[in-house]
Protein backbone atom coordinates (compact mmCIF):
# COMPACT_ATOMS: atom_id res chain seq x y z
CA UNK A 1 0.00 0.00 0.00
CA UNK A 2 1.45 3.36 -1.03
CA UNK A 3 0.72 6.77 0.42
CA UNK A 4 -0.69 9.54 -1.79
CA UNK A 5 1.82 12.20 -2.77
CA UNK A 6 2.00 15.23 -0.47
CA UNK A 7 0.09 18.31 -1.61
CA UNK A 8 2.15 20.89 -3.49
CA UNK A 9 3.48 23.79 -1.40
CA UNK A 10 1.23 26.87 -1.41
CA UNK A 11 2.09 29.29 -4.18
CA UNK A 12 2.83 32.88 -3.31
CA UNK A 13 0.32 35.24 -4.78
CA UNK A 14 1.57 36.84 -8.00
CA UNK A 15 1.57 40.59 -7.51
CA UNK A 16 1.54 42.47 -10.79
CA UNK A 17 3.77 45.50 -10.99
CA UNK A 18 2.13 48.87 -11.34
CA UNK A 19 3.74 52.27 -11.68
CA UNK A 20 1.90 55.36 -10.52
CA UNK A 21 3.45 58.62 -11.71
CA UNK A 22 3.26 60.85 -8.64
CA UNK A 23 4.45 63.88 -10.62
CA UNK A 24 1.49 63.41 -12.97
CA UNK A 25 -0.86 63.30 -9.98
CA UNK A 26 0.75 66.39 -8.42
CA UNK A 27 0.14 68.31 -11.66
CA UNK A 28 -3.59 67.54 -11.64
CA UNK A 29 -6.03 70.23 -10.54
CA UNK A 30 -8.12 68.34 -7.98
CA UNK A 31 -8.31 65.30 -5.73
CA UNK A 32 -11.25 64.10 -7.83
CA UNK A 33 -9.09 64.08 -10.96
CA UNK A 34 -6.28 62.31 -9.07
CA UNK A 35 -8.66 59.71 -7.63
CA UNK A 36 -10.15 59.06 -11.08
CA UNK A 37 -6.67 58.56 -12.57
CA UNK A 38 -5.57 56.15 -9.83
CA UNK A 39 -8.85 54.19 -10.14
CA UNK A 40 -8.16 53.95 -13.87
CA UNK A 41 -4.68 52.53 -13.16
CA UNK A 42 -6.09 50.06 -10.62
CA UNK A 43 -8.95 48.87 -12.85
CA UNK A 44 -7.55 45.32 -12.95
CA UNK A 45 -7.07 45.14 -9.17
CA UNK A 46 -9.57 42.74 -7.64
CA UNK A 47 -8.95 43.86 -4.07
CA UNK A 48 -10.61 46.93 -2.50
CA UNK A 49 -8.75 50.08 -3.54
CA UNK A 50 -10.60 52.87 -1.72
CA UNK A 51 -8.33 52.89 1.38
CA UNK A 52 -5.20 52.82 -0.82
CA UNK A 53 -6.45 55.70 -2.97
CA UNK A 54 -7.46 57.74 0.08
CA UNK A 55 -4.05 57.23 1.70
CA UNK A 56 -2.24 58.08 -1.52
CA UNK A 57 -4.21 61.32 -1.93
CA UNK A 58 -3.38 62.27 1.68
CA UNK A 59 0.32 61.76 0.96
CA UNK A 60 0.09 63.80 -2.25
CA UNK A 61 -1.57 66.67 -0.37
CA UNK A 62 1.35 66.54 2.08
CA UNK A 63 3.83 66.62 -0.80
CA UNK A 64 2.10 69.66 -2.28
CA UNK A 65 2.47 71.51 1.01
CA UNK A 66 6.18 70.65 1.10
CA UNK A 67 6.77 71.77 -2.48
CA UNK A 68 4.84 75.06 -2.17
CA UNK A 69 7.22 77.83 -1.19
CA UNK A 70 6.21 79.38 2.12
CA UNK A 71 5.75 83.15 2.10
CA UNK A 72 7.50 85.00 4.91
PDB file of N, CA and C in Angstrom:
ATOM      1  N   UNK A   1       0.846  -1.180   0.000  1.00  0.00           N
ATOM      2  CA  UNK A   1       0.000   0.000   0.000  1.00  0.00           C
ATOM      3  C   UNK A   1       0.891   1.243   0.000  1.00  0.00           C
ATOM      4  N   UNK A   2       0.633   2.153  -0.960  1.00  0.00           N
ATOM      5  CA  UNK A   2       1.455   3.362  -1.030  1.00  0.00           C
ATOM      6  C   UNK A   2       0.649   4.581  -0.570  1.00  0.00           C
ATOM      7  N   UNK A   3       1.364   5.533  -0.041  1.00  0.00           N
ATOM      8  CA  UNK A   3       0.723   6.771   0.419  1.00  0.00           C
ATOM      9  C   UNK A   3       0.532   7.717  -0.759  1.00  0.00           C
ATOM     10  N   UNK A   4      -0.515   8.543  -0.707  1.00  0.00           N
ATOM     11  CA  UNK A   4      -0.690   9.536  -1.787  1.00  0.00           C
ATOM     12  C   UNK A   4       0.432  10.584  -1.693  1.00  0.00           C
ATOM     13  N   UNK A   5       0.759  11.186  -2.803  1.00  0.00           N
ATOM     14  CA  UNK A   5       1.823  12.199  -2.769  1.00  0.00           C
ATOM     15  C   UNK A   5       1.393  13.397  -1.913  1.00  0.00           C
ATOM     16  N   UNK A   6       2.354  14.072  -1.281  1.00  0.00           N
ATOM     17  CA  UNK A   6       1.995  15.229  -0.468  1.00  0.00           C
ATOM     18  C   UNK A   6       1.459  16.359  -1.355  1.00  0.00           C
ATOM     19  N   UNK A   7       0.619  17.201  -0.791  1.00  0.00           N
ATOM     20  CA  UNK A   7       0.093  18.310  -1.607  1.00  0.00           C
ATOM     21  C   UNK A   7       1.230  19.264  -1.979  1.00  0.00           C
ATOM     22  N   UNK A   8       1.097  19.948  -3.096  1.00  0.00           N
ATOM     23  CA  UNK A   8       2.155  20.891  -3.491  1.00  0.00           C
ATOM     24  C   UNK A   8       2.220  22.045  -2.482  1.00  0.00           C
ATOM     25  N   UNK A   9       3.389  22.662  -2.331  1.00  0.00           N
ATOM     26  CA  UNK A   9       3.481  23.791  -1.399  1.00  0.00           C
ATOM     27  C   UNK A   9       2.605  24.946  -1.896  1.00  0.00           C
ATOM     28  N   UNK A  10       2.076  25.750  -0.973  1.00  0.00           N
ATOM     29  CA  UNK A  10       1.231  26.870  -1.414  1.00  0.00           C
ATOM     30  C   UNK A  10       2.040  27.849  -2.255  1.00  0.00           C
ATOM     31  N   UNK A  11       1.427  28.326  -3.293  1.00  0.00           N
ATOM     32  CA  UNK A  11       2.093  29.286  -4.176  1.00  0.00           C
ATOM     33  C   UNK A  11       1.917  30.694  -3.615  1.00  0.00           C
ATOM     34  N   UNK A  12       2.977  31.483  -3.698  1.00  0.00           N
ATOM     35  CA  UNK A  12       2.835  32.878  -3.305  1.00  0.00           C
ATOM     36  C   UNK A  12       1.986  33.576  -4.353  1.00  0.00           C
ATOM     37  N   UNK A  13       1.193  34.509  -3.879  1.00  0.00           N
ATOM     38  CA  UNK A  13       0.318  35.240  -4.783  1.00  0.00           C
ATOM     39  C   UNK A  13       1.154  36.102  -5.716  1.00  0.00           C
ATOM     40  N   UNK A  14       0.886  35.991  -7.019  1.00  0.00           N
ATOM     41  CA  UNK A  14       1.565  36.840  -7.999  1.00  0.00           C
ATOM     42  C   UNK A  14       1.064  38.261  -7.806  1.00  0.00           C
ATOM     43  N   UNK A  15       1.960  39.193  -7.641  1.00  0.00           N
ATOM     44  CA  UNK A  15       1.569  40.593  -7.513  1.00  0.00           C
ATOM     45  C   UNK A  15       2.059  41.315  -8.759  1.00  0.00           C
ATOM     46  N   UNK A  16       1.118  41.768  -9.580  1.00  0.00           N
ATOM     47  CA  UNK A  16       1.537  42.468 -10.794  1.00  0.00           C
ATOM     48  C   UNK A  16       2.169  43.811 -10.432  1.00  0.00           C
ATOM     49  N   UNK A  17       3.140  44.212 -11.224  1.00  0.00           N
ATOM     50  CA  UNK A  17       3.773  45.503 -10.988  1.00  0.00           C
ATOM     51  C   UNK A  17       2.925  46.602 -11.578  1.00  0.00           C
ATOM     52  N   UNK A  18       2.907  47.728 -10.881  1.00  0.00           N
ATOM     53  CA  UNK A  18       2.134  48.874 -11.338  1.00  0.00           C
ATOM     54  C   UNK A  18       2.921  50.121 -10.985  1.00  0.00           C
ATOM     55  N   UNK A  19       3.065  51.001 -11.944  1.00  0.00           N
ATOM     56  CA  UNK A  19       3.736  52.270 -11.677  1.00  0.00           C
ATOM     57  C   UNK A  19       2.694  53.371 -11.658  1.00  0.00           C
ATOM     58  N   UNK A  20       2.773  54.188 -10.616  1.00  0.00           N
ATOM     59  CA  UNK A  20       1.904  55.355 -10.518  1.00  0.00           C
ATOM     60  C   UNK A  20       2.811  56.569 -10.550  1.00  0.00           C
ATOM     61  N   UNK A  21       2.614  57.433 -11.533  1.00  0.00           N
ATOM     62  CA  UNK A  21       3.453  58.616 -11.714  1.00  0.00           C
ATOM     63  C   UNK A  21       2.964  59.711 -10.764  1.00  0.00           C
ATOM     64  N   UNK A  22       3.673  59.875  -9.652  1.00  0.00           N
ATOM     65  CA  UNK A  22       3.262  60.850  -8.636  1.00  0.00           C
ATOM     66  C   UNK A  22       3.335  62.265  -9.195  1.00  0.00           C
ATOM     67  N   UNK A  23       4.343  62.541 -10.030  1.00  0.00           N
ATOM     68  CA  UNK A  23       4.446  63.878 -10.621  1.00  0.00           C
ATOM     69  C   UNK A  23       3.208  64.205 -11.445  1.00  0.00           C
ATOM     70  N   UNK A  24       2.715  63.215 -12.181  1.00  0.00           N
ATOM     71  CA  UNK A  24       1.494  63.406 -12.971  1.00  0.00           C
ATOM     72  C   UNK A  24       0.331  63.756 -12.036  1.00  0.00           C
ATOM     73  N   UNK A  25       0.228  63.034 -10.922  1.00  0.00           N
ATOM     74  CA  UNK A  25      -0.857  63.300  -9.978  1.00  0.00           C
ATOM     75  C   UNK A  25      -0.714  64.678  -9.337  1.00  0.00           C
ATOM     76  N   UNK A  26       0.525  65.067  -9.020  1.00  0.00           N
ATOM     77  CA  UNK A  26       0.750  66.388  -8.422  1.00  0.00           C
ATOM     78  C   UNK A  26       0.340  67.515  -9.370  1.00  0.00           C
ATOM     79  N   UNK A  27       0.478  67.283 -10.680  1.00  0.00           N
ATOM     80  CA  UNK A  27       0.139  68.310 -11.663  1.00  0.00           C
ATOM     81  C   UNK A  27      -1.363  68.442 -11.899  1.00  0.00           C
ATOM     82  N   UNK A  28      -2.144  67.494 -11.417  1.00  0.00           N
ATOM     83  CA  UNK A  28      -3.594  67.543 -11.641  1.00  0.00           C
ATOM     84  C   UNK A  28      -4.234  68.599 -10.745  1.00  0.00           C
ATOM     85  N   UNK A  29      -5.363  69.111 -11.208  1.00  0.00           N
ATOM     86  CA  UNK A  29      -6.033  70.225 -10.540  1.00  0.00           C
ATOM     87  C   UNK A  29      -6.726  69.856  -9.235  1.00  0.00           C
ATOM     88  N   UNK A  30      -7.277  68.650  -9.139  1.00  0.00           N
ATOM     89  CA  UNK A  30      -8.121  68.341  -7.980  1.00  0.00           C
ATOM     90  C   UNK A  30      -7.921  66.901  -7.513  1.00  0.00           C
ATOM     91  N   UNK A  31      -8.338  66.662  -6.269  1.00  0.00           N
ATOM     92  CA  UNK A  31      -8.305  65.304  -5.735  1.00  0.00           C
ATOM     93  C   UNK A  31      -9.221  64.385  -6.529  1.00  0.00           C
ATOM     94  N   UNK A  32     -10.328  64.926  -7.034  1.00  0.00           N
ATOM     95  CA  UNK A  32     -11.253  64.100  -7.830  1.00  0.00           C
ATOM     96  C   UNK A  32     -10.559  63.592  -9.095  1.00  0.00           C
ATOM     97  N   UNK A  33      -9.802  64.476  -9.748  1.00  0.00           N
ATOM     98  CA  UNK A  33      -9.086  64.080 -10.964  1.00  0.00           C
ATOM     99  C   UNK A  33      -8.016  63.049 -10.617  1.00  0.00           C
ATOM    100  N   UNK A  34      -7.320  63.260  -9.492  1.00  0.00           N
ATOM    101  CA  UNK A  34      -6.284  62.312  -9.072  1.00  0.00           C
ATOM    102  C   UNK A  34      -6.898  60.946  -8.765  1.00  0.00           C
ATOM    103  N   UNK A  35      -8.000  60.962  -8.004  1.00  0.00           N
ATOM    104  CA  UNK A  35      -8.658  59.708  -7.634  1.00  0.00           C
ATOM    105  C   UNK A  35      -9.121  58.960  -8.881  1.00  0.00           C
ATOM    106  N   UNK A  36      -9.678  59.692  -9.843  1.00  0.00           N
ATOM    107  CA  UNK A  36     -10.148  59.059 -11.077  1.00  0.00           C
ATOM    108  C   UNK A  36      -8.982  58.415 -11.826  1.00  0.00           C
ATOM    109  N   UNK A  37      -7.830  59.093 -11.870  1.00  0.00           N
ATOM    110  CA  UNK A  37      -6.667  58.561 -12.571  1.00  0.00           C
ATOM    111  C   UNK A  37      -6.144  57.295 -11.888  1.00  0.00           C
ATOM    112  N   UNK A  38      -6.068  57.321 -10.552  1.00  0.00           N
ATOM    113  CA  UNK A  38      -5.568  56.151  -9.831  1.00  0.00           C
ATOM    114  C   UNK A  38      -6.546  54.984  -9.987  1.00  0.00           C
ATOM    115  N   UNK A  39      -7.852  55.258  -9.933  1.00  0.00           N
ATOM    116  CA  UNK A  39      -8.847  54.188 -10.143  1.00  0.00           C
ATOM    117  C   UNK A  39      -8.673  53.571 -11.520  1.00  0.00           C
ATOM    118  N   UNK A  40      -8.388  54.425 -12.504  1.00  0.00           N
ATOM    119  CA  UNK A  40      -8.158  53.952 -13.872  1.00  0.00           C
ATOM    120  C   UNK A  40      -6.949  53.008 -13.909  1.00  0.00           C
ATOM    121  N   UNK A  41      -5.886  53.375 -13.191  1.00  0.00           N
ATOM    122  CA  UNK A  41      -4.682  52.532 -13.164  1.00  0.00           C
ATOM    123  C   UNK A  41      -4.933  51.217 -12.430  1.00  0.00           C
ATOM    124  N   UNK A  42      -5.830  51.236 -11.447  1.00  0.00           N
ATOM    125  CA  UNK A  42      -6.092  50.056 -10.624  1.00  0.00           C
ATOM    126  C   UNK A  42      -7.293  49.253 -11.115  1.00  0.00           C
ATOM    127  N   UNK A  43      -7.735  49.497 -12.335  1.00  0.00           N
ATOM    128  CA  UNK A  43      -8.951  48.866 -12.848  1.00  0.00           C
ATOM    129  C   UNK A  43      -8.873  47.342 -12.802  1.00  0.00           C
ATOM    130  N   UNK A  44      -7.689  46.779 -12.957  1.00  0.00           N
ATOM    131  CA  UNK A  44      -7.551  45.316 -12.949  1.00  0.00           C
ATOM    132  C   UNK A  44      -7.342  44.743 -11.549  1.00  0.00           C
ATOM    133  N   UNK A  45      -7.288  45.608 -10.544  1.00  0.00           N
ATOM    134  CA  UNK A  45      -7.074  45.143  -9.172  1.00  0.00           C
ATOM    135  C   UNK A  45      -8.389  44.595  -8.624  1.00  0.00           C
ATOM    136  N   UNK A  46      -8.341  43.359  -8.136  1.00  0.00           N
ATOM    137  CA  UNK A  46      -9.573  42.737  -7.642  1.00  0.00           C
ATOM    138  C   UNK A  46      -9.769  42.957  -6.153  1.00  0.00           C
ATOM    139  N   UNK A  47      -8.805  43.576  -5.495  1.00  0.00           N
ATOM    140  CA  UNK A  47      -8.954  43.861  -4.068  1.00  0.00           C
ATOM    141  C   UNK A  47      -9.501  45.271  -3.890  1.00  0.00           C
ATOM    142  N   UNK A  48     -10.088  45.566  -2.727  1.00  0.00           N
ATOM    143  CA  UNK A  48     -10.608  46.925  -2.500  1.00  0.00           C
ATOM    144  C   UNK A  48      -9.482  47.963  -2.622  1.00  0.00           C
ATOM    145  N   UNK A  49      -9.780  49.070  -3.288  1.00  0.00           N
ATOM    146  CA  UNK A  49      -8.754  50.083  -3.544  1.00  0.00           C
ATOM    147  C   UNK A  49      -9.038  51.408  -2.854  1.00  0.00           C
ATOM    148  N   UNK A  50     -10.225  51.575  -2.287  1.00  0.00           N
ATOM    149  CA  UNK A  50     -10.603  52.874  -1.717  1.00  0.00           C
ATOM    150  C   UNK A  50      -9.626  53.351  -0.646  1.00  0.00           C
ATOM    151  N   UNK A  51      -9.240  52.481   0.291  1.00  0.00           N
ATOM    152  CA  UNK A  51      -8.332  52.886   1.378  1.00  0.00           C
ATOM    153  C   UNK A  51      -6.964  53.264   0.805  1.00  0.00           C
ATOM    154  N   UNK A  52      -6.491  52.510  -0.191  1.00  0.00           N
ATOM    155  CA  UNK A  52      -5.204  52.822  -0.818  1.00  0.00           C
ATOM    156  C   UNK A  52      -5.262  54.191  -1.487  1.00  0.00           C
ATOM    157  N   UNK A  53      -6.324  54.437  -2.254  1.00  0.00           N
ATOM    158  CA  UNK A  53      -6.452  55.703  -2.970  1.00  0.00           C
ATOM    159  C   UNK A  53      -6.540  56.863  -1.981  1.00  0.00           C
ATOM    160  N   UNK A  54      -7.314  56.702  -0.931  1.00  0.00           N
ATOM    161  CA  UNK A  54      -7.456  57.745   0.080  1.00  0.00           C
ATOM    162  C   UNK A  54      -6.104  58.059   0.726  1.00  0.00           C
ATOM    163  N   UNK A  55      -5.364  57.033   1.097  1.00  0.00           N
ATOM    164  CA  UNK A  55      -4.050  57.232   1.701  1.00  0.00           C
ATOM    165  C   UNK A  55      -3.074  57.898   0.745  1.00  0.00           C
ATOM    166  N   UNK A  56      -3.122  57.494  -0.525  1.00  0.00           N
ATOM    167  CA  UNK A  56      -2.238  58.080  -1.525  1.00  0.00           C
ATOM    168  C   UNK A  56      -2.545  59.560  -1.714  1.00  0.00           C
ATOM    169  N   UNK A  57      -3.826  59.916  -1.760  1.00  0.00           N
ATOM    170  CA  UNK A  57      -4.206  61.316  -1.926  1.00  0.00           C
ATOM    171  C   UNK A  57      -3.768  62.148  -0.722  1.00  0.00           C
ATOM    172  N   UNK A  58      -3.859  61.572   0.478  1.00  0.00           N
ATOM    173  CA  UNK A  58      -3.381  62.273   1.678  1.00  0.00           C
ATOM    174  C   UNK A  58      -1.887  62.564   1.561  1.00  0.00           C
ATOM    175  N   UNK A  59      -1.123  61.578   1.102  1.00  0.00           N
ATOM    176  CA  UNK A  59       0.320  61.762   0.962  1.00  0.00           C
ATOM    177  C   UNK A  59       0.632  62.818  -0.105  1.00  0.00           C
ATOM    178  N   UNK A  60      -0.133  62.815  -1.188  1.00  0.00           N
ATOM    179  CA  UNK A  60       0.091  63.796  -2.254  1.00  0.00           C
ATOM    180  C   UNK A  60      -0.215  65.202  -1.747  1.00  0.00           C
ATOM    181  N   UNK A  61      -1.271  65.349  -0.952  1.00  0.00           N
ATOM    182  CA  UNK A  61      -1.570  66.670  -0.368  1.00  0.00           C
ATOM    183  C   UNK A  61      -0.396  67.126   0.499  1.00  0.00           C
ATOM    184  N   UNK A  62       0.182  66.207   1.258  1.00  0.00           N
ATOM    185  CA  UNK A  62       1.347  66.539   2.080  1.00  0.00           C
ATOM    186  C   UNK A  62       2.538  66.948   1.230  1.00  0.00           C
ATOM    187  N   UNK A  63       2.728  66.275   0.100  1.00  0.00           N
ATOM    188  CA  UNK A  63       3.834  66.617  -0.800  1.00  0.00           C
ATOM    189  C   UNK A  63       3.629  67.995  -1.410  1.00  0.00           C
ATOM    190  N   UNK A  64       2.380  68.340  -1.712  1.00  0.00           N
ATOM    191  CA  UNK A  64       2.100  69.657  -2.280  1.00  0.00           C
ATOM    192  C   UNK A  64       2.471  70.747  -1.280  1.00  0.00           C
ATOM    193  N   UNK A  65       2.143  70.521  -0.007  1.00  0.00           N
ATOM    194  CA  UNK A  65       2.470  71.514   1.013  1.00  0.00           C
ATOM    195  C   UNK A  65       3.969  71.680   1.137  1.00  0.00           C
ATOM    196  N   UNK A  66       4.722  70.577   1.015  1.00  0.00           N
ATOM    197  CA  UNK A  66       6.178  70.652   1.101  1.00  0.00           C
ATOM    198  C   UNK A  66       6.782  71.370  -0.091  1.00  0.00           C
ATOM    199  N   UNK A  67       6.188  71.197  -1.272  1.00  0.00           N
ATOM    200  CA  UNK A  67       6.769  71.772  -2.479  1.00  0.00           C
ATOM    201  C   UNK A  67       6.327  73.223  -2.718  1.00  0.00           C
ATOM    202  N   UNK A  68       5.304  73.693  -2.010  1.00  0.00           N
ATOM    203  CA  UNK A  68       4.841  75.058  -2.171  1.00  0.00           C
ATOM    204  C   UNK A  68       5.723  75.961  -1.334  1.00  0.00           C
ATOM    205  N   UNK A  69       6.367  76.948  -1.971  1.00  0.00           N
ATOM    206  CA  UNK A  69       7.222  77.830  -1.185  1.00  0.00           C
ATOM    207  C   UNK A  69       6.386  78.607  -0.143  1.00  0.00           C
ATOM    208  N   UNK A  70       6.900  78.669   1.054  1.00  0.00           N
ATOM    209  CA  UNK A  70       6.207  79.382   2.124  1.00  0.00           C
ATOM    210  C   UNK A  70       6.552  80.864   2.044  1.00  0.00           C
ATOM    211  N   UNK A  71       5.513  81.701   2.109  1.00  0.00           N
ATOM    212  CA  UNK A  71       5.746  83.146   2.099  1.00  0.00           C
ATOM    213  C   UNK A  71       6.113  83.589   3.507  1.00  0.00           C
ATOM    214  N   UNK A  72       7.081  84.506   3.593  1.00  0.00           N
ATOM    215  CA  UNK A  72       7.498  84.998   4.913  1.00  0.00           C
ATOM    216  C   UNK A  72       7.048  86.418   5.114  1.00  0.00           C
TER     217      UNK A  72
END
